[in-house]
Amino acid sequence: MLLFVVAMAQEKDKPAYRLFTKEGKSISYSKMLKELQKAEVVLFGEQHNDPIAHWLQLELAKDLYQEHKNDFVLGAEMFESDVQLVLNEYLANQAPESNFEQESRPWHNYKTDYKPVVRFAKENNIPFIATNVPRRYAAMVSGGSLKALEGVSEEAKKYIAPLPIQVDMNLPGYQNMLAMFGNSTHGNTKSQNIVQAQALKDATMAHFILQPVKTGKHVLHLNGAYHSDNFEGIGWYLKQGNPKIKAQTITTVLQEDLEKLSEEHKNKADFILVVPASMTRTY
């Protein structure tokens, strides 16, 4: 009996991830890829410190590139729009890597988590767009609402979604953010400003994603899951800019059990990447 138990334990797989449809049906990577190849935009929502998500982003970039070749573009929340020039110069071998990594204000986990996909873009001459709003403008809104942007220069407006930015405070994701700060008058003012700053990021990322789509390109965009979960955030603004856009979303979640998708994670995205809760974090 002991030998039988040991044999059964040895036969049990320990997958590093599982994929599910939004309805909770298990799906293979190859079948998911076939669906994603039809999209104009794929929003890959990650947990920023998840190694499996970062690895799969790179693999998906390789496969979508093979499908779309010269019509393929990468984009990421992790680069702000005002560093597009140095990003372009690095990709074109005009700026040394050391300068790029200093002047592009990369996230602290850039070298482990995002550098591989940037290198892939560089090696294959794939355009890479810096989509996020410069953090100074998000800070302005967080401190003084979207009205704080009314006085920015024409030069500054190049790095922001077209003003004025409309925000639907009734979207569930934004409602959840509002609830995090309580119900006091002061709390509501503060939380509304923070939600507006979040919306500024979402709208700006959508704005810069839409530019290559207008010319027939296919975009794979990397962003935190909260920016695209439940088909809100970036996805909502993409629809405002182009109601007919073909967009697909992926989100990343953690579960103890990978056999089935938890009810709480259903319908978060078109495809759900489930990673073991015990997975090593990159930071």
C-alpha atoms as a PDB file:
ATOM      1  CA  MET A   1       0.000   0.000   0.000  1.00  0.00           C
ATOM      2  CA  LEU A   2       2.834   2.401   0.866  1.00  0.00           C
ATOM      3  CA  LEU A   3       4.466   1.853  -2.532  1.00  0.00           C
ATOM      4  CA  PHE A   4       1.110   2.537  -4.220  1.00  0.00           C
ATOM      5  CA  VAL A   5       0.685   5.855  -2.357  1.00  0.00           C
ATOM      6  CA  VAL A   6       4.222   6.911  -3.246  1.00  0.00           C
ATOM      7  CA  ALA A   7       3.659   6.010  -6.900  1.00  0.00           C
ATOM      8  CA  MET A   8       0.412   8.025  -6.999  1.00  0.00           C
ATOM      9  CA  ALA A   9       2.166  11.044  -5.444  1.00  0.00           C
ATOM     10  CA  GLN A  10       4.917  10.854  -8.032  1.00  0.00           C
ATOM     11  CA  GLU A  11       2.403  10.763 -10.880  1.00  0.00           C
ATOM     12  CA  LYS A  12       0.617  13.928  -9.741  1.00  0.00           C
ATOM     13  CA  ASP A  13       1.551  16.904 -11.913  1.00  0.00           C
ATOM     14  CA  LYS A  14       2.564  20.248 -10.452  1.00  0.00           C
ATOM     15  CA  PRO A  15       1.779  22.699 -13.259  1.00  0.00           C
ATOM     16  CA  ALA A  16       3.260  26.172 -13.070  1.00  0.00           C
ATOM     17  CA  TYR A  17       0.073  27.661 -14.527  1.00  0.00           C
ATOM     18  CA  ARG A  18      -3.309  26.888 -16.055  1.00  0.00           C
ATOM     19  CA  LEU A  19      -5.382  28.839 -18.565  1.00  0.00           C
ATOM     20  CA  PHE A  20      -9.154  29.259 -18.485  1.00  0.00           C
ATOM     21  CA  THR A  21     -11.787  31.047 -20.535  1.00  0.00           C
ATOM     22  CA  LYS A  22     -13.873  33.717 -18.851  1.00  0.00           C
ATOM     23  CA  GLU A  23     -16.582  31.107 -18.277  1.00  0.00           C
ATOM     24  CA  GLY A  24     -14.118  28.939 -16.359  1.00  0.00           C
ATOM     25  CA  LYS A  25     -13.447  26.332 -19.039  1.00  0.00           C
ATOM     26  CA  SER A  26      -9.872  25.035 -19.226  1.00  0.00           C
ATOM     27  CA  ILE A  27      -8.146  26.009 -22.472  1.00  0.00           C
ATOM     28  CA  SER A  28      -4.778  25.221 -24.007  1.00  0.00           C
ATOM     29  CA  TYR A  29      -2.266  27.907 -24.881  1.00  0.00           C
ATOM     30  CA  SER A  30      -2.509  27.032 -28.592  1.00  0.00           C
ATOM     31  CA  LYS A  31      -6.282  27.514 -28.637  1.00  0.00           C
ATOM     32  CA  MET A  32      -6.009  30.777 -26.735  1.00  0.00           C
ATOM     33  CA  LEU A  33      -3.361  31.947 -29.203  1.00  0.00           C
ATOM     34  CA  LYS A  34      -5.680  31.302 -32.155  1.00  0.00           C
ATOM     35  CA  GLU A  35      -8.249  33.633 -30.592  1.00  0.00           C
ATOM     36  CA  LEU A  36      -5.700  36.293 -29.699  1.00  0.00           C
ATOM     37  CA  GLN A  37      -4.329  36.296 -33.255  1.00  0.00           C
ATOM     38  CA  LYS A  38      -7.710  37.655 -34.410  1.00  0.00           C
ATOM     39  CA  ALA A  39      -7.538  40.669 -32.100  1.00  0.00           C
ATOM     40  CA  GLU A  40      -6.336  44.145 -32.975  1.00  0.00           C
ATOM     41  CA  VAL A  41      -5.355  44.690 -29.345  1.00  0.00           C
ATOM     42  CA  VAL A  42      -4.419  42.215 -26.626  1.00  0.00           C
ATOM     43  CA  LEU A  43      -4.277  43.642 -23.118  1.00  0.00           C
ATOM     44  CA  PHE A  44      -2.165  41.343 -20.932  1.00  0.00           C
ATOM     45  CA  GLY A  45      -3.010  42.138 -17.319  1.00  0.00           C
ATOM     46  CA  GLU A  46      -0.246  41.071 -14.965  1.00  0.00           C
ATOM     47  CA  GLN A  47       0.617  40.944 -11.308  1.00  0.00           C
ATOM     48  CA  HIS A  48       3.794  43.015 -11.441  1.00  0.00           C
ATOM     49  CA  ASN A  49       5.887  40.532  -9.458  1.00  0.00           C
ATOM     50  CA  ASP A  50       4.652  37.353 -11.117  1.00  0.00           C
ATOM     51  CA  PRO A  51       7.388  35.450 -13.008  1.00  0.00           C
ATOM     52  CA  ILE A  52       4.953  33.224 -14.919  1.00  0.00           C
ATOM     53  CA  ALA A  53       3.052  36.205 -16.322  1.00  0.00           C
ATOM     54  CA  HIS A  54       6.282  37.852 -17.456  1.00  0.00           C
ATOM     55  CA  TRP A  55       7.481  34.653 -19.105  1.00  0.00           C
ATOM     56  CA  LEU A  56       4.149  34.134 -20.869  1.00  0.00           C
ATOM     57  CA  GLN A  57       4.129  37.748 -22.066  1.00  0.00           C
ATOM     58  CA  LEU A  58       7.434  37.113 -23.809  1.00  0.00           C
ATOM     59  CA  GLU A  59       6.229  33.838 -25.336  1.00  0.00           C
ATOM     60  CA  LEU A  60       3.010  35.463 -26.518  1.00  0.00           C
ATOM     61  CA  ALA A  61       4.984  38.347 -28.021  1.00  0.00           C
ATOM     62  CA  LYS A  62       7.071  35.853 -29.996  1.00  0.00           C
ATOM     63  CA  ASP A  63       4.010  33.999 -31.284  1.00  0.00           C
ATOM     64  CA  LEU A  64       1.968  37.083 -32.180  1.00  0.00           C
ATOM     65  CA  TYR A  65       5.010  38.482 -33.973  1.00  0.00           C
ATOM     66  CA  GLN A  66       5.220  35.313 -36.071  1.00  0.00           C
ATOM     67  CA  GLU A  67       1.581  35.829 -37.037  1.00  0.00           C
ATOM     68  CA  HIS A  68       1.626  39.570 -37.751  1.00  0.00           C
ATOM     69  CA  LYS A  69       5.307  40.319 -38.575  1.00  0.00           C
ATOM     70  CA  ASN A  70       5.540  43.902 -39.869  1.00  0.00           C
ATOM     71  CA  ASP A  71       2.093  44.741 -38.498  1.00  0.00           C
ATOM     72  CA  PHE A  72       3.006  43.945 -34.892  1.00  0.00           C
ATOM     73  CA  VAL A  73       3.590  46.496 -32.123  1.00  0.00           C
ATOM     74  CA  LEU A  74       4.411  46.136 -28.439  1.00  0.00           C
ATOM     75  CA  GLY A  75       3.392  48.602 -25.754  1.00  0.00           C
ATOM     76  CA  ALA A  76       3.618  48.819 -21.989  1.00  0.00           C
ATOM     77  CA  GLU A  77       2.373  50.692 -18.967  1.00  0.00           C
ATOM     78  CA  MET A  78       5.902  50.447 -17.574  1.00  0.00           C
ATOM     79  CA  PHE A  79       7.180  53.223 -19.857  1.00  0.00           C
ATOM     80  CA  GLU A  80       5.778  56.742 -19.724  1.00  0.00           C
ATOM     81  CA  SER A  81       4.967  58.579 -22.923  1.00  0.00           C
ATOM     82  CA  ASP A  82       7.644  61.239 -22.491  1.00  0.00           C
ATOM     83  CA  VAL A  83      10.434  58.647 -22.766  1.00  0.00           C
ATOM     84  CA  GLN A  84       9.350  57.493 -26.225  1.00  0.00           C
ATOM     85  CA  LEU A  85      12.302  59.232 -27.857  1.00  0.00           C
ATOM     86  CA  VAL A  86      14.990  57.470 -25.837  1.00  0.00           C
ATOM     87  CA  LEU A  87      13.097  54.184 -26.201  1.00  0.00           C
ATOM     88  CA  ASN A  88      13.083  54.643 -29.989  1.00  0.00           C
ATOM     89  CA  GLU A  89      16.762  55.555 -29.997  1.00  0.00           C
ATOM     90  CA  TYR A  90      17.668  52.463 -28.000  1.00  0.00           C
ATOM     91  CA  LEU A  91      15.633  50.185 -30.268  1.00  0.00           C
ATOM     92  CA  ALA A  92      17.373  51.732 -33.291  1.00  0.00           C
ATOM     93  CA  ASN A  93      20.845  51.165 -31.776  1.00  0.00           C
ATOM     94  CA  GLN A  94      21.361  54.919 -31.488  1.00  0.00           C
ATOM     95  CA  ALA A  95      21.445  55.077 -27.671  1.00  0.00           C
ATOM     96  CA  PRO A  96      23.625  52.845 -25.486  1.00  0.00           C
ATOM     97  CA  GLU A  97      21.757  50.464 -23.241  1.00  0.00           C
ATOM     98  CA  SER A  98      23.195  52.102 -20.125  1.00  0.00           C
ATOM     99  CA  ASN A  99      21.810  55.490 -21.151  1.00  0.00           C
ATOM    100  CA  PHE A 100      18.458  53.997 -22.045  1.00  0.00           C
ATOM    101  CA  GLU A 101      18.141  52.214 -18.716  1.00  0.00           C
ATOM    102  CA  GLN A 102      18.958  55.433 -16.883  1.00  0.00           C
ATOM    103  CA  GLU A 103      16.964  57.941 -18.900  1.00  0.00           C
ATOM    104  CA  SER A 104      13.808  55.879 -19.510  1.00  0.00           C
ATOM    105  CA  ARG A 105      13.047  55.808 -15.757  1.00  0.00           C
ATOM    106  CA  PRO A 106      12.506  52.024 -15.766  1.00  0.00           C
ATOM    107  CA  TRP A 107      10.641  50.272 -12.976  1.00  0.00           C
ATOM    108  CA  HIS A 108      12.841  48.715 -10.296  1.00  0.00           C
ATOM    109  CA  ASN A 109      12.077  45.215 -11.650  1.00  0.00           C
ATOM    110  CA  TYR A 110      12.855  46.142 -15.257  1.00  0.00           C
ATOM    111  CA  LYS A 111      15.958  43.978 -15.621  1.00  0.00           C
ATOM    112  CA  THR A 112      14.267  40.780 -14.414  1.00  0.00           C
ATOM    113  CA  ASP A 113      10.725  41.263 -15.705  1.00  0.00           C
ATOM    114  CA  TYR A 114      10.585  43.609 -18.718  1.00  0.00           C
ATOM    115  CA  LYS A 115      14.052  43.702 -20.214  1.00  0.00           C
ATOM    116  CA  PRO A 116      13.575  40.357 -22.044  1.00  0.00           C
ATOM    117  CA  VAL A 117      10.568  41.629 -24.004  1.00  0.00           C
ATOM    118  CA  VAL A 118      12.258  44.958 -24.788  1.00  0.00           C
ATOM    119  CA  ARG A 119      15.312  43.039 -26.004  1.00  0.00           C
ATOM    120  CA  PHE A 120      13.043  40.879 -28.163  1.00  0.00           C
ATOM    121  CA  ALA A 121      11.554  44.000 -29.727  1.00  0.00           C
ATOM    122  CA  LYS A 122      15.012  45.408 -30.358  1.00  0.00           C
ATOM    123  CA  GLU A 123      16.332  42.226 -31.953  1.00  0.00           C
ATOM    124  CA  ASN A 124      13.360  41.998 -34.306  1.00  0.00           C
ATOM    125  CA  ASN A 125      12.814  45.685 -35.122  1.00  0.00           C
ATOM    126  CA  ILE A 126       9.409  45.687 -33.461  1.00  0.00           C
ATOM    127  CA  PRO A 127       8.015  49.131 -32.568  1.00  0.00           C
ATOM    128  CA  PHE A 128       7.514  49.565 -28.817  1.00  0.00           C
ATOM    129  CA  ILE A 129       5.249  52.308 -27.522  1.00  0.00           C
ATOM    130  CA  ALA A 130       5.535  53.961 -24.133  1.00  0.00           C
ATOM    131  CA  THR A 131       1.867  54.361 -23.243  1.00  0.00           C
ATOM    132  CA  ASN A 132       1.576  55.497 -19.638  1.00  0.00           C
ATOM    133  CA  VAL A 133       1.023  59.101 -18.626  1.00  0.00           C
ATOM    134  CA  PRO A 134       4.092  60.763 -17.074  1.00  0.00           C
ATOM    135  CA  ARG A 135       3.739  60.348 -13.328  1.00  0.00           C
ATOM    136  CA  ARG A 136       3.972  64.101 -12.678  1.00  0.00           C
ATOM    137  CA  TYR A 137       0.628  64.589 -14.396  1.00  0.00           C
ATOM    138  CA  ALA A 138      -0.970  61.710 -12.508  1.00  0.00           C
ATOM    139  CA  ALA A 139       0.338  63.327  -9.299  1.00  0.00           C
ATOM    140  CA  MET A 140      -1.209  66.658 -10.313  1.00  0.00           C
ATOM    141  CA  VAL A 141      -4.596  65.000 -10.765  1.00  0.00           C
ATOM    142  CA  SER A 142      -4.283  62.950  -7.600  1.00  0.00           C
ATOM    143  CA  GLY A 143      -3.726  66.169  -5.682  1.00  0.00           C
ATOM    144  CA  GLY A 144      -6.160  68.446  -7.481  1.00  0.00           C
ATOM    145  CA  SER A 145      -8.479  66.480  -9.802  1.00  0.00           C
ATOM    146  CA  LEU A 146      -8.490  66.568 -13.604  1.00  0.00           C
ATOM    147  CA  LYS A 147      -9.012  70.335 -13.413  1.00  0.00           C
ATOM    148  CA  ALA A 148      -5.323  70.585 -12.509  1.00  0.00           C
ATOM    149  CA  LEU A 149      -4.488  69.721 -16.131  1.00  0.00           C
ATOM    150  CA  GLU A 150      -6.346  72.707 -17.566  1.00  0.00           C
ATOM    151  CA  GLY A 151      -3.274  74.909 -17.354  1.00  0.00           C
ATOM    152  CA  VAL A 152      -0.650  72.559 -18.794  1.00  0.00           C
ATOM    153  CA  SER A 153       1.242  73.596 -21.913  1.00  0.00           C
ATOM    154  CA  GLU A 154       0.599  72.436 -25.450  1.00  0.00           C
ATOM    155  CA  GLU A 155       3.894  70.547 -25.231  1.00  0.00           C
ATOM    156  CA  ALA A 156       2.675  68.701 -22.125  1.00  0.00           C
ATOM    157  CA  LYS A 157      -0.579  67.747 -23.842  1.00  0.00           C
ATOM    158  CA  LYS A 158       1.409  65.627 -26.318  1.00  0.00           C
ATOM    159  CA  TYR A 159       1.986  63.114 -23.531  1.00  0.00           C
ATOM    160  CA  ILE A 160      -1.610  62.935 -22.293  1.00  0.00           C
ATOM    161  CA  ALA A 161      -4.872  61.652 -23.734  1.00  0.00           C
ATOM    162  CA  PRO A 162      -6.844  64.465 -25.397  1.00  0.00           C
ATOM    163  CA  LEU A 163      -8.464  66.785 -22.863  1.00  0.00           C
ATOM    164  CA  PRO A 164     -11.012  66.969 -21.381  1.00  0.00           C
ATOM    165  CA  ILE A 165     -11.000  63.364 -20.190  1.00  0.00           C
ATOM    166  CA  GLN A 166     -14.386  61.904 -19.374  1.00  0.00           C
ATOM    167  CA  VAL A 167     -14.550  59.613 -16.333  1.00  0.00           C
ATOM    168  CA  ASP A 168     -17.426  57.245 -15.586  1.00  0.00           C
ATOM    169  CA  MET A 169     -17.300  57.052 -11.796  1.00  0.00           C
ATOM    170  CA  ASN A 170     -19.997  54.366 -11.871  1.00  0.00           C
ATOM    171  CA  LEU A 171     -17.710  51.749 -13.417  1.00  0.00           C
ATOM    172  CA  PRO A 172     -17.327  48.953 -10.821  1.00  0.00           C
ATOM    173  CA  GLY A 173     -13.539  49.165 -10.805  1.00  0.00           C
ATOM    174  CA  TYR A 174     -13.601  52.874 -10.026  1.00  0.00           C
ATOM    175  CA  GLN A 175     -16.393  52.331  -7.486  1.00  0.00           C
ATOM    176  CA  ASN A 176     -14.176  49.827  -5.692  1.00  0.00           C
ATOM    177  CA  MET A 177     -11.390  52.394  -5.554  1.00  0.00           C
ATOM    178  CA  LEU A 178     -13.768  55.006  -4.158  1.00  0.00           C
ATOM    179  CA  ALA A 179     -14.903  52.597  -1.438  1.00  0.00           C
ATOM    180  CA  MET A 180     -11.321  52.049  -0.293  1.00  0.00           C
ATOM    181  CA  PHE A 181     -11.200  55.576   1.140  1.00  0.00           C
ATOM    182  CA  GLY A 182     -14.379  55.539   3.212  1.00  0.00           C
ATOM    183  CA  ASN A 183     -17.376  57.827   3.080  1.00  0.00           C
ATOM    184  CA  SER A 184     -16.262  61.047   4.760  1.00  0.00           C
ATOM    185  CA  THR A 185     -16.350  64.274   2.754  1.00  0.00           C
ATOM    186  CA  HIS A 186     -12.569  64.534   2.877  1.00  0.00           C
ATOM    187  CA  GLY A 187     -12.232  60.869   1.967  1.00  0.00           C
ATOM    188  CA  ASN A 188     -14.576  61.231  -0.981  1.00  0.00           C
ATOM    189  CA  THR A 189     -12.657  64.199  -2.372  1.00  0.00           C
ATOM    190  CA  LYS A 190      -9.358  62.376  -2.007  1.00  0.00           C
ATOM    191  CA  SER A 191     -10.679  59.133  -3.460  1.00  0.00           C
ATOM    192  CA  GLN A 192     -12.327  60.879  -6.414  1.00  0.00           C
ATOM    193  CA  ASN A 193      -9.025  62.542  -7.257  1.00  0.00           C
ATOM    194  CA  ILE A 194      -7.193  59.205  -7.053  1.00  0.00           C
ATOM    195  CA  VAL A 195      -9.796  57.577  -9.295  1.00  0.00           C
ATOM    196  CA  GLN A 196      -9.424  60.452 -11.761  1.00  0.00           C
ATOM    197  CA  ALA A 197      -5.654  59.889 -11.753  1.00  0.00           C
ATOM    198  CA  GLN A 198      -6.284  56.204 -12.462  1.00  0.00           C
ATOM    199  CA  ALA A 199      -8.643  57.170 -15.284  1.00  0.00           C
ATOM    200  CA  LEU A 200      -5.995  59.530 -16.661  1.00  0.00           C
ATOM    201  CA  LYS A 201      -3.591  56.590 -16.886  1.00  0.00           C
ATOM    202  CA  ASP A 202      -6.232  54.336 -18.464  1.00  0.00           C
ATOM    203  CA  ALA A 203      -7.291  56.974 -20.995  1.00  0.00           C
ATOM    204  CA  THR A 204      -3.698  57.841 -21.916  1.00  0.00           C
ATOM    205  CA  MET A 205      -2.699  54.218 -22.398  1.00  0.00           C
ATOM    206  CA  ALA A 206      -5.761  53.641 -24.578  1.00  0.00           C
ATOM    207  CA  HIS A 207      -4.980  56.790 -26.594  1.00  0.00           C
ATOM    208  CA  PHE A 208      -1.455  55.667 -27.448  1.00  0.00           C
ATOM    209  CA  ILE A 209      -2.565  52.095 -28.162  1.00  0.00           C
ATOM    210  CA  LEU A 210      -5.137  53.351 -30.653  1.00  0.00           C
ATOM    211  CA  GLN A 211      -2.595  55.239 -32.763  1.00  0.00           C
ATOM    212  CA  PRO A 212      -0.955  52.157 -34.379  1.00  0.00           C
ATOM    213  CA  VAL A 213      -4.327  50.377 -34.557  1.00  0.00           C
ATOM    214  CA  LYS A 214      -5.550  53.172 -36.838  1.00  0.00           C
ATOM    215  CA  THR A 215      -2.836  52.183 -39.327  1.00  0.00           C
ATOM    216  CA  GLY A 216      -3.697  48.485 -39.286  1.00  0.00           C
ATOM    217  CA  LYS A 217      -1.237  47.326 -36.636  1.00  0.00           C
ATOM    218  CA  HIS A 218      -1.811  44.649 -34.012  1.00  0.00           C
ATOM    219  CA  VAL A 219      -0.817  45.605 -30.473  1.00  0.00           C
ATOM    220  CA  LEU A 220       0.181  43.483 -27.501  1.00  0.00           C
ATOM    221  CA  HIS A 221       0.056  45.719 -24.434  1.00  0.00           C
ATOM    222  CA  LEU A 222       1.456  44.881 -21.005  1.00  0.00           C
ATOM    223  CA  ASN A 223      -0.217  46.432 -17.979  1.00  0.00           C
ATOM    224  CA  GLY A 224      -1.226  45.798 -14.422  1.00  0.00           C
ATOM    225  CA  ALA A 225      -4.331  43.636 -14.279  1.00  0.00           C
ATOM    226  CA  TYR A 226      -6.382  46.329 -12.543  1.00  0.00           C
ATOM    227  CA  HIS A 227      -6.061  48.516 -15.641  1.00  0.00           C
ATOM    228  CA  SER A 228      -7.936  45.980 -17.782  1.00  0.00           C
ATOM    229  CA  ASP A 229      -9.814  43.585 -15.479  1.00  0.00           C
ATOM    230  CA  ASN A 230     -13.571  43.217 -15.983  1.00  0.00           C
ATOM    231  CA  PHE A 231     -13.193  44.829 -19.442  1.00  0.00           C
ATOM    232  CA  GLU A 232     -12.903  48.244 -17.817  1.00  0.00           C
ATOM    233  CA  GLY A 233     -10.014  50.697 -17.516  1.00  0.00           C
ATOM    234  CA  ILE A 234      -7.981  50.734 -20.725  1.00  0.00           C
ATOM    235  CA  GLY A 235     -10.548  48.549 -22.485  1.00  0.00           C
ATOM    236  CA  TRP A 236     -13.376  50.976 -21.693  1.00  0.00           C
ATOM    237  CA  TYR A 237     -11.403  53.888 -23.154  1.00  0.00           C
ATOM    238  CA  LEU A 238     -10.455  51.843 -26.230  1.00  0.00           C
ATOM    239  CA  LYS A 239     -14.168  51.366 -26.874  1.00  0.00           C
ATOM    240  CA  GLN A 240     -14.794  55.092 -26.468  1.00  0.00           C
ATOM    241  CA  GLY A 241     -12.164  55.784 -29.111  1.00  0.00           C
ATOM    242  CA  ASN A 242     -13.191  52.953 -31.440  1.00  0.00           C
ATOM    243  CA  PRO A 243     -16.468  51.150 -30.613  1.00  0.00           C
ATOM    244  CA  LYS A 244     -15.707  48.450 -33.192  1.00  0.00           C
ATOM    245  CA  ILE A 245     -12.203  47.630 -31.978  1.00  0.00           C
ATOM    246  CA  LYS A 246     -11.369  43.943 -31.654  1.00  0.00           C
ATOM    247  CA  ALA A 247      -9.785  43.701 -28.223  1.00  0.00           C
ATOM    248  CA  GLN A 248      -9.015  40.649 -26.095  1.00  0.00           C
ATOM    249  CA  THR A 249      -7.878  40.605 -22.484  1.00  0.00           C
ATOM    250  CA  ILE A 250      -5.835  38.328 -20.255  1.00  0.00           C
ATOM    251  CA  THR A 251      -5.640  38.610 -16.491  1.00  0.00           C
ATOM    252  CA  THR A 252      -3.363  36.946 -13.956  1.00  0.00           C
ATOM    253  CA  VAL A 253      -4.670  35.513 -10.691  1.00  0.00           C
ATOM    254  CA  LEU A 254      -3.316  33.364  -7.856  1.00  0.00           C
ATOM    255  CA  GLN A 255      -5.046  30.236  -6.569  1.00  0.00           C
ATOM    256  CA  GLU A 256      -4.132  27.403  -4.219  1.00  0.00           C
ATOM    257  CA  ASP A 257      -5.900  24.937  -6.519  1.00  0.00           C
ATOM    258  CA  LEU A 258      -5.309  25.030 -10.266  1.00  0.00           C
ATOM    259  CA  GLU A 259      -7.850  22.360 -11.184  1.00  0.00           C
ATOM    260  CA  LYS A 260     -10.760  24.770 -11.613  1.00  0.00           C
ATOM    261  CA  LEU A 261     -11.257  28.500 -11.827  1.00  0.00           C
ATOM    262  CA  SER A 262     -12.654  30.120  -8.688  1.00  0.00           C
ATOM    263  CA  GLU A 263     -16.020  31.840  -9.106  1.00  0.00           C
ATOM    264  CA  GLU A 264     -14.516  35.180  -8.061  1.00  0.00           C
ATOM    265  CA  HIS A 265     -12.190  35.114 -11.072  1.00  0.00           C
ATOM    266  CA  LYS A 266     -14.744  34.262 -13.745  1.00  0.00           C
ATOM    267  CA  ASN A 267     -15.483  36.997 -16.296  1.00  0.00           C
ATOM    268  CA  LYS A 268     -12.492  39.089 -15.222  1.00  0.00           C
ATOM    269  CA  ALA A 269     -11.032  38.791 -18.723  1.00  0.00           C
ATOM    270  CA  ASP A 270     -11.392  36.793 -21.925  1.00  0.00           C
ATOM    271  CA  PHE A 271      -8.668  34.496 -20.646  1.00  0.00           C
ATOM    272  CA  ILE A 272      -7.480  33.918 -17.091  1.00  0.00           C
ATOM    273  CA  LEU A 273      -3.923  32.903 -16.314  1.00  0.00           C
ATOM    274  CA  VAL A 274      -3.977  31.030 -13.006  1.00  0.00           C
ATOM    275  CA  VAL A 275      -0.687  30.764 -11.130  1.00  0.00           C
ATOM    276  CA  PRO A 276      -0.076  28.763  -7.928  1.00  0.00           C
ATOM    277  CA  ALA A 277      -0.335  30.940  -4.834  1.00  0.00           C
ATOM    278  CA  SER A 278       2.992  29.469  -3.724  1.00  0.00           C
ATOM    279  CA  MET A 279       4.806  30.675  -6.853  1.00  0.00           C
ATOM    280  CA  THR A 280       8.045  32.541  -6.182  1.00  0.00           C
ATOM    281  CA  ARG A 281       7.694  36.312  -6.614  1.00  0.00           C
ATOM    282  CA  THR A 282      10.248  38.414  -8.494  1.00  0.00           C
ATOM    283  CA  TYR A 283      10.282  40.941  -5.635  1.00  0.00           C
END
